[in-house]
PDB file of N, CA and C in Angstrom:
ATOM      1  N   MET A   1       0.846  -1.178   0.000  1.00  0.00           N
ATOM      2  CA  MET A   1       0.000   0.000   0.000  1.00  0.00           C
ATOM      3  C   MET A   1       0.884   1.231   0.000  1.00  0.00           C
ATOM      4  N   THR A   2       1.370   1.650  -1.105  1.00  0.00           N
ATOM      5  CA  THR A   2       2.176   2.859  -1.207  1.00  0.00           C
ATOM      6  C   THR A   2       1.319   3.954  -1.809  1.00  0.00           C
ATOM      7  N   ILE A   3       1.048   4.966  -1.028  1.00  0.00           N
ATOM      8  CA  ILE A   3       0.198   6.050  -1.463  1.00  0.00           C
ATOM      9  C   ILE A   3       0.834   7.356  -1.025  1.00  0.00           C
ATOM     10  N   THR A   4       0.634   8.375  -1.812  1.00  0.00           N
ATOM     11  CA  THR A   4       1.063   9.700  -1.389  1.00  0.00           C
ATOM     12  C   THR A   4      -0.126  10.363  -0.720  1.00  0.00           C
ATOM     13  N   LEU A   5       0.035  10.705   0.539  1.00  0.00           N
ATOM     14  CA  LEU A   5      -1.039  11.279   1.334  1.00  0.00           C
ATOM     15  C   LEU A   5      -0.645  12.666   1.787  1.00  0.00           C
ATOM     16  N   ASN A   6      -1.639  13.517   1.939  1.00  0.00           N
ATOM     17  CA  ASN A   6      -1.311  14.837   2.465  1.00  0.00           C
ATOM     18  C   ASN A   6      -2.218  15.263   3.601  1.00  0.00           C
ATOM     19  N   LYS A   7      -3.250  14.476   3.903  1.00  0.00           N
ATOM     20  CA  LYS A   7      -4.097  14.802   5.043  1.00  0.00           C
ATOM     21  C   LYS A   7      -4.753  13.541   5.589  1.00  0.00           C
ATOM     22  N   PRO A   8      -5.008  13.525   6.899  1.00  0.00           N
ATOM     23  CA  PRO A   8      -5.587  12.342   7.524  1.00  0.00           C
ATOM     24  C   PRO A   8      -6.930  11.916   6.926  1.00  0.00           C
ATOM     25  N   SER A   9      -7.732  12.864   6.473  1.00  0.00           N
ATOM     26  CA  SER A   9      -9.051  12.505   5.943  1.00  0.00           C
ATOM     27  C   SER A   9      -8.960  11.617   4.703  1.00  0.00           C
ATOM     28  N   SER A  10      -7.803  11.601   4.051  1.00  0.00           N
ATOM     29  CA  SER A  10      -7.649  10.725   2.883  1.00  0.00           C
ATOM     30  C   SER A  10      -7.627   9.245   3.276  1.00  0.00           C
ATOM     31  N   LEU A  11      -7.524   8.965   4.578  1.00  0.00           N
ATOM     32  CA  LEU A  11      -7.500   7.579   5.067  1.00  0.00           C
ATOM     33  C   LEU A  11      -8.786   7.177   5.783  1.00  0.00           C
ATOM     34  N   ILE A  12      -9.803   8.004   5.700  1.00  0.00           N
ATOM     35  CA  ILE A  12     -11.025   7.750   6.456  1.00  0.00           C
ATOM     36  C   ILE A  12     -11.632   6.384   6.140  1.00  0.00           C
ATOM     37  N   HIS A  13     -11.455   5.910   4.924  1.00  0.00           N
ATOM     38  CA  HIS A  13     -11.980   4.593   4.537  1.00  0.00           C
ATOM     39  C   HIS A  13     -11.221   3.448   5.206  1.00  0.00           C
ATOM     40  N   GLU A  14     -10.107   3.753   5.855  1.00  0.00           N
ATOM     41  CA  GLU A  14      -9.293   2.735   6.530  1.00  0.00           C
ATOM     42  C   GLU A  14      -9.604   2.653   8.030  1.00  0.00           C
ATOM     43  N   ILE A  15     -10.688   3.309   8.451  1.00  0.00           N
ATOM     44  CA  ILE A  15     -11.072   3.317   9.860  1.00  0.00           C
ATOM     45  C   ILE A  15     -12.323   2.469  10.031  1.00  0.00           C
ATOM     46  N   LYS A  16     -12.330   1.688  11.098  1.00  0.00           N
ATOM     47  CA  LYS A  16     -13.512   0.875  11.381  1.00  0.00           C
ATOM     48  C   LYS A  16     -13.908   1.075  12.840  1.00  0.00           C
ATOM     49  N   LEU A  17     -15.148   0.816  13.120  1.00  0.00           N
ATOM     50  CA  LEU A  17     -15.645   0.849  14.488  1.00  0.00           C
ATOM     51  C   LEU A  17     -15.710  -0.595  14.964  1.00  0.00           C
ATOM     52  N   GLU A  18     -15.042  -0.876  16.062  1.00  0.00           N
ATOM     53  CA  GLU A  18     -14.960  -2.252  16.548  1.00  0.00           C
ATOM     54  C   GLU A  18     -15.471  -2.332  17.975  1.00  0.00           C
ATOM     55  N   ARG A  19     -16.290  -3.317  18.232  1.00  0.00           N
ATOM     56  CA  ARG A  19     -16.806  -3.540  19.587  1.00  0.00           C
ATOM     57  C   ARG A  19     -15.804  -4.385  20.356  1.00  0.00           C
ATOM     58  N   ILE A  20     -15.312  -3.836  21.462  1.00  0.00           N
ATOM     59  CA  ILE A  20     -14.379  -4.551  22.336  1.00  0.00           C
ATOM     60  C   ILE A  20     -14.989  -4.515  23.737  1.00  0.00           C
ATOM     61  N   ASP A  21     -15.344  -5.688  24.229  1.00  0.00           N
ATOM     62  CA  ASP A  21     -16.116  -5.806  25.469  1.00  0.00           C
ATOM     63  C   ASP A  21     -17.401  -4.991  25.300  1.00  0.00           C
ATOM     64  N   ASN A  22     -17.615  -4.009  26.146  1.00  0.00           N
ATOM     65  CA  ASN A  22     -18.815  -3.177  26.041  1.00  0.00           C
ATOM     66  C   ASN A  22     -18.527  -1.833  25.381  1.00  0.00           C
ATOM     67  N   TRP A  23     -17.406  -1.727  24.706  1.00  0.00           N
ATOM     68  CA  TRP A  23     -16.964  -0.455  24.161  1.00  0.00           C
ATOM     69  C   TRP A  23     -16.942  -0.497  22.639  1.00  0.00           C
ATOM     70  N   ASN A  24     -17.363   0.568  22.030  1.00  0.00           N
ATOM     71  CA  ASN A  24     -17.176   0.762  20.590  1.00  0.00           C
ATOM     72  C   ASN A  24     -15.978   1.684  20.417  1.00  0.00           C
ATOM     73  N   LEU A  25     -14.954   1.199  19.723  1.00  0.00           N
ATOM     74  CA  LEU A  25     -13.733   1.973  19.550  1.00  0.00           C
ATOM     75  C   LEU A  25     -13.377   2.097  18.077  1.00  0.00           C
ATOM     76  N   PHE A  26     -12.775   3.217  17.734  1.00  0.00           N
ATOM     77  CA  PHE A  26     -12.273   3.407  16.383  1.00  0.00           C
ATOM     78  C   PHE A  26     -10.927   2.703  16.258  1.00  0.00           C
ATOM     79  N   LYS A  27     -10.759   1.942  15.188  1.00  0.00           N
ATOM     80  CA  LYS A  27      -9.523   1.188  14.960  1.00  0.00           C
ATOM     81  C   LYS A  27      -9.107   1.337  13.507  1.00  0.00           C
ATOM     82  N   PHE A  28      -7.817   1.172  13.254  1.00  0.00           N
ATOM     83  CA  PHE A  28      -7.313   1.126  11.885  1.00  0.00           C
ATOM     84  C   PHE A  28      -7.688  -0.219  11.259  1.00  0.00           C
ATOM     85  N   SER A  29      -7.876  -0.213   9.949  1.00  0.00           N
ATOM     86  CA  SER A  29      -8.032  -1.477   9.237  1.00  0.00           C
ATOM     87  C   SER A  29      -6.728  -2.255   9.389  1.00  0.00           C
ATOM     88  N   GLU A  30      -6.792  -3.534   9.150  1.00  0.00           N
ATOM     89  CA  GLU A  30      -5.590  -4.356   9.267  1.00  0.00           C
ATOM     90  C   GLU A  30      -4.506  -3.874   8.300  1.00  0.00           C
ATOM     91  N   SER A  31      -4.901  -3.514   7.079  1.00  0.00           N
ATOM     92  CA  SER A  31      -3.908  -3.078   6.092  1.00  0.00           C
ATOM     93  C   SER A  31      -3.234  -1.770   6.515  1.00  0.00           C
ATOM     94  N   LEU A  32      -3.997  -0.840   7.094  1.00  0.00           N
ATOM     95  CA  LEU A  32      -3.393   0.420   7.532  1.00  0.00           C
ATOM     96  C   LEU A  32      -2.495   0.195   8.744  1.00  0.00           C
ATOM     97  N   GLN A  33      -2.910  -0.663   9.649  1.00  0.00           N
ATOM     98  CA  GLN A  33      -2.078  -0.977  10.816  1.00  0.00           C
ATOM     99  C   GLN A  33      -0.748  -1.592  10.384  1.00  0.00           C
ATOM    100  N   LEU A  34      -0.819  -2.523   9.439  1.00  0.00           N
ATOM    101  CA  LEU A  34       0.405  -3.155   8.927  1.00  0.00           C
ATOM    102  C   LEU A  34       1.297  -2.141   8.212  1.00  0.00           C
ATOM    103  N   ARG A  35       0.679  -1.228   7.465  1.00  0.00           N
ATOM    104  CA  ARG A  35       1.458  -0.201   6.757  1.00  0.00           C
ATOM    105  C   ARG A  35       2.177   0.701   7.753  1.00  0.00           C
ATOM    106  N   MET A  36       1.481   1.107   8.803  1.00  0.00           N
ATOM    107  CA  MET A  36       2.105   1.959   9.809  1.00  0.00           C
ATOM    108  C   MET A  36       3.282   1.236  10.458  1.00  0.00           C
ATOM    109  N   GLU A  37       3.093  -0.033  10.806  1.00  0.00           N
ATOM    110  CA  GLU A  37       4.175  -0.805  11.426  1.00  0.00           C
ATOM    111  C   GLU A  37       5.362  -0.949  10.473  1.00  0.00           C
ATOM    112  N   SER A  38       5.078  -1.166   9.200  1.00  0.00           N
ATOM    113  CA  SER A  38       6.141  -1.283   8.199  1.00  0.00           C
ATOM    114  C   SER A  38       6.931   0.019   8.083  1.00  0.00           C
ATOM    115  N   LEU A  39       6.218   1.127   8.040  1.00  0.00           N
ATOM    116  CA  LEU A  39       6.893   2.422   7.944  1.00  0.00           C
ATOM    117  C   LEU A  39       7.716   2.722   9.196  1.00  0.00           C
ATOM    118  N   LEU A  40       7.188   2.355  10.352  1.00  0.00           N
ATOM    119  CA  LEU A  40       7.944   2.570  11.590  1.00  0.00           C
ATOM    120  C   LEU A  40       9.222   1.743  11.609  1.00  0.00           C
ATOM    121  N   GLU A  41       9.155   0.519  11.108  1.00  0.00           N
ATOM    122  CA  GLU A  41      10.353  -0.320  11.021  1.00  0.00           C
ATOM    123  C   GLU A  41      11.377   0.286  10.055  1.00  0.00           C
ATOM    124  N   LYS A  42      10.900   0.790   8.915  1.00  0.00           N
ATOM    125  CA  LYS A  42      11.809   1.421   7.953  1.00  0.00           C
ATOM    126  C   LYS A  42      12.454   2.665   8.555  1.00  0.00           C
ATOM    127  N   LYS A  43      11.673   3.420   9.330  1.00  0.00           N
ATOM    128  CA  LYS A  43      12.212   4.618   9.982  1.00  0.00           C
ATOM    129  C   LYS A  43      13.266   4.232  11.010  1.00  0.00           C
ATOM    130  N   LYS A  44      12.963   3.199  11.779  1.00  0.00           N
ATOM    131  CA  LYS A  44      13.898   2.723  12.800  1.00  0.00           C
ATOM    132  C   LYS A  44      15.216   2.275  12.165  1.00  0.00           C
ATOM    133  N   ALA A  45      15.124   1.645  10.989  1.00  0.00           N
ATOM    134  CA  ALA A  45      16.309   1.159  10.275  1.00  0.00           C
ATOM    135  C   ALA A  45      16.951   2.250   9.419  1.00  0.00           C
ATOM    136  N   ASP A  46      16.402   3.461   9.489  1.00  0.00           N
ATOM    137  CA  ASP A  46      16.894   4.599   8.706  1.00  0.00           C
ATOM    138  C   ASP A  46      16.883   4.297   7.199  1.00  0.00           C
ATOM    139  N   GLN A  47      15.797   3.649   6.745  1.00  0.00           N
ATOM    140  CA  GLN A  47      15.651   3.293   5.331  1.00  0.00           C
ATOM    141  C   GLN A  47      14.351   3.847   4.759  1.00  0.00           C
ATOM    142  N   ILE A  48      13.866   4.922   5.320  1.00  0.00           N
ATOM    143  CA  ILE A  48      12.577   5.478   4.926  1.00  0.00           C
ATOM    144  C   ILE A  48      12.787   6.650   3.954  1.00  0.00           C
ATOM    145  N   THR A  49      11.959   6.714   2.940  1.00  0.00           N
ATOM    146  CA  THR A  49      12.054   7.787   1.942  1.00  0.00           C
ATOM    147  C   THR A  49      11.284   9.022   2.417  1.00  0.00           C
ATOM    148  N   PRO A  50      11.544  10.174   1.818  1.00  0.00           N
ATOM    149  CA  PRO A  50      10.775  11.376   2.187  1.00  0.00           C
ATOM    150  C   PRO A  50       9.262  11.200   1.987  1.00  0.00           C
ATOM    151  N   ASP A  51       8.841  10.539   0.919  1.00  0.00           N
ATOM    152  CA  ASP A  51       7.411  10.293   0.706  1.00  0.00           C
ATOM    153  C   ASP A  51       6.838   9.408   1.804  1.00  0.00           C
ATOM    154  N   GLU A  52       7.613   8.416   2.221  1.00  0.00           N
ATOM    155  CA  GLU A  52       7.155   7.524   3.287  1.00  0.00           C
ATOM    156  C   GLU A  52       7.097   8.257   4.628  1.00  0.00           C
ATOM    157  N   ILE A  53       8.011   9.180   4.859  1.00  0.00           N
ATOM    158  CA  ILE A  53       7.970   9.993   6.083  1.00  0.00           C
ATOM    159  C   ILE A  53       6.682  10.806   6.105  1.00  0.00           C
ATOM    160  N   ALA A  54       6.332  11.398   4.971  1.00  0.00           N
ATOM    161  CA  ALA A  54       5.091  12.177   4.880  1.00  0.00           C
ATOM    162  C   ALA A  54       3.879  11.277   5.126  1.00  0.00           C
ATOM    163  N   GLU A  55       3.903  10.081   4.559  1.00  0.00           N
ATOM    164  CA  GLU A  55       2.810   9.124   4.754  1.00  0.00           C
ATOM    165  C   GLU A  55       2.699   8.733   6.221  1.00  0.00           C
ATOM    166  N   LEU A  56       3.832   8.463   6.855  1.00  0.00           N
ATOM    167  CA  LEU A  56       3.835   8.097   8.265  1.00  0.00           C
ATOM    168  C   LEU A  56       3.318   9.252   9.124  1.00  0.00           C
ATOM    169  N   ASP A  57       3.660  10.479   8.771  1.00  0.00           N
ATOM    170  CA  ASP A  57       3.159  11.645   9.502  1.00  0.00           C
ATOM    171  C   ASP A  57       1.635  11.716   9.449  1.00  0.00           C
ATOM    172  N   VAL A  58       1.071  11.464   8.272  1.00  0.00           N
ATOM    173  CA  VAL A  58      -0.386  11.501   8.106  1.00  0.00           C
ATOM    174  C   VAL A  58      -1.040  10.381   8.919  1.00  0.00           C
ATOM    175  N   ILE A  59      -0.489   9.179   8.831  1.00  0.00           N
ATOM    176  CA  ILE A  59      -1.037   8.047   9.589  1.00  0.00           C
ATOM    177  C   ILE A  59      -0.911   8.323  11.096  1.00  0.00           C
ATOM    178  N   GLY A  60       0.221   8.882  11.496  1.00  0.00           N
ATOM    179  CA  GLY A  60       0.431   9.208  12.904  1.00  0.00           C
ATOM    180  C   GLY A  60      -0.561  10.235  13.412  1.00  0.00           C
ATOM    181  N   GLU A  61      -0.859  11.233  12.588  1.00  0.00           N
ATOM    182  CA  GLU A  61      -1.838  12.248  12.971  1.00  0.00           C
ATOM    183  C   GLU A  61      -3.213  11.612  13.158  1.00  0.00           C
ATOM    184  N   LEU A  62      -3.595  10.747  12.243  1.00  0.00           N
ATOM    185  CA  LEU A  62      -4.874  10.050  12.360  1.00  0.00           C
ATOM    186  C   LEU A  62      -4.894   9.158  13.601  1.00  0.00           C
ATOM    187  N   ASP A  63      -3.791   8.521  13.890  1.00  0.00           N
ATOM    188  CA  ASP A  63      -3.682   7.679  15.084  1.00  0.00           C
ATOM    189  C   ASP A  63      -3.887   8.519  16.342  1.00  0.00           C
ATOM    190  N   ARG A  64      -3.279   9.692  16.395  1.00  0.00           N
ATOM    191  CA  ARG A  64      -3.440  10.575  17.559  1.00  0.00           C
ATOM    192  C   ARG A  64      -4.896  11.031  17.701  1.00  0.00           C
ATOM    193  N   ILE A  65      -5.546  11.351  16.591  1.00  0.00           N
ATOM    194  CA  ILE A  65      -6.939  11.791  16.621  1.00  0.00           C
ATOM    195  C   ILE A  65      -7.824  10.688  17.198  1.00  0.00           C
ATOM    196  N   PHE A  66      -7.682   9.479  16.670  1.00  0.00           N
ATOM    197  CA  PHE A  66      -8.549   8.399  17.129  1.00  0.00           C
ATOM    198  C   PHE A  66      -8.190   7.907  18.519  1.00  0.00           C
ATOM    199  N   THR A  67      -6.951   8.010  18.927  1.00  0.00           N
ATOM    200  CA  THR A  67      -6.585   7.688  20.306  1.00  0.00           C
ATOM    201  C   THR A  67      -7.293   8.645  21.256  1.00  0.00           C
ATOM    202  N   HIS A  68      -7.314   9.917  20.888  1.00  0.00           N
ATOM    203  CA  HIS A  68      -7.987  10.922  21.717  1.00  0.00           C
ATOM    204  C   HIS A  68      -9.497  10.667  21.765  1.00  0.00           C
ATOM    205  N   ILE A  69     -10.101  10.408  20.618  1.00  0.00           N
ATOM    206  CA  ILE A  69     -11.539  10.133  20.582  1.00  0.00           C
ATOM    207  C   ILE A  69     -11.865   8.887  21.398  1.00  0.00           C
ATOM    208  N   ASN A  70     -11.073   7.842  21.241  1.00  0.00           N
ATOM    209  CA  ASN A  70     -11.314   6.609  22.002  1.00  0.00           C
ATOM    210  C   ASN A  70     -11.179   6.854  23.504  1.00  0.00           C
ATOM    211  N   ALA A  71     -10.242   7.684  23.910  1.00  0.00           N
ATOM    212  CA  ALA A  71     -10.066   8.011  25.326  1.00  0.00           C
ATOM    213  C   ALA A  71     -11.292   8.775  25.834  1.00  0.00           C
ATOM    214  N   MET A  72     -11.822   9.676  25.025  1.00  0.00           N
ATOM    215  CA  MET A  72     -13.021  10.412  25.417  1.00  0.00           C
ATOM    216  C   MET A  72     -14.217   9.468  25.560  1.00  0.00           C
ATOM    217  N   LEU A  73     -14.350   8.520  24.617  1.00  0.00           N
ATOM    218  CA  LEU A  73     -15.427   7.546  24.687  1.00  0.00           C
ATOM    219  C   LEU A  73     -15.290   6.670  25.928  1.00  0.00           C
ATOM    220  N   ALA A  74     -14.077   6.257  26.233  1.00  0.00           N
ATOM    221  CA  ALA A  74     -13.834   5.424  27.405  1.00  0.00           C
ATOM    222  C   ALA A  74     -14.188   6.181  28.692  1.00  0.00           C
ATOM    223  N   ALA A  75     -13.796   7.434  28.753  1.00  0.00           N
ATOM    224  CA  ALA A  75     -14.106   8.246  29.937  1.00  0.00           C
ATOM    225  C   ALA A  75     -15.615   8.425  30.086  1.00  0.00           C
ATOM    226  N   GLN A  76     -16.296   8.604  28.979  1.00  0.00           N
ATOM    227  CA  GLN A  76     -17.749   8.756  29.014  1.00  0.00           C
ATOM    228  C   GLN A  76     -18.399   7.459  29.503  1.00  0.00           C
ATOM    229  N   ASN A  77     -17.903   6.321  29.025  1.00  0.00           N
ATOM    230  CA  ASN A  77     -18.459   5.027  29.437  1.00  0.00           C
ATOM    231  C   ASN A  77     -18.229   4.764  30.926  1.00  0.00           C
ATOM    232  N   VAL A  78     -17.079   5.179  31.434  1.00  0.00           N
ATOM    233  CA  VAL A  78     -16.757   4.980  32.846  1.00  0.00           C
ATOM    234  C   VAL A  78     -17.665   5.836  33.733  1.00  0.00           C
ATOM    235  N   ASN A  79     -17.970   7.030  33.262  1.00  0.00           N
ATOM    236  CA  ASN A  79     -18.785   7.964  34.057  1.00  0.00           C
ATOM    237  C   ASN A  79     -20.281   7.661  33.987  1.00  0.00           C
ATOM    238  N   GLN A  80     -20.680   6.706  33.184  1.00  0.00           N
ATOM    239  CA  GLN A  80     -22.119   6.392  33.074  1.00  0.00           C
ATOM    240  C   GLN A  80     -22.526   5.318  34.035  1.00  0.00           C
TER     241      GLN A  80
END
């Protein structure tokens, strides 16, 4: 999955809602999760291209957004 991305919304189709226990959480599709892990490994090995760095930045931004949303949902569920 090599794509040139410039904003997180371009990956919206790679997000799914998954029920875990009594919680509905936003998760990456398996292919997007694998792509992020692959890019992180390439970065760690210092073998990442500038385009891949940009792609990883976009995926990372989306990851931060959904981590925050999931934390808000979890806090709401705990307070109910």
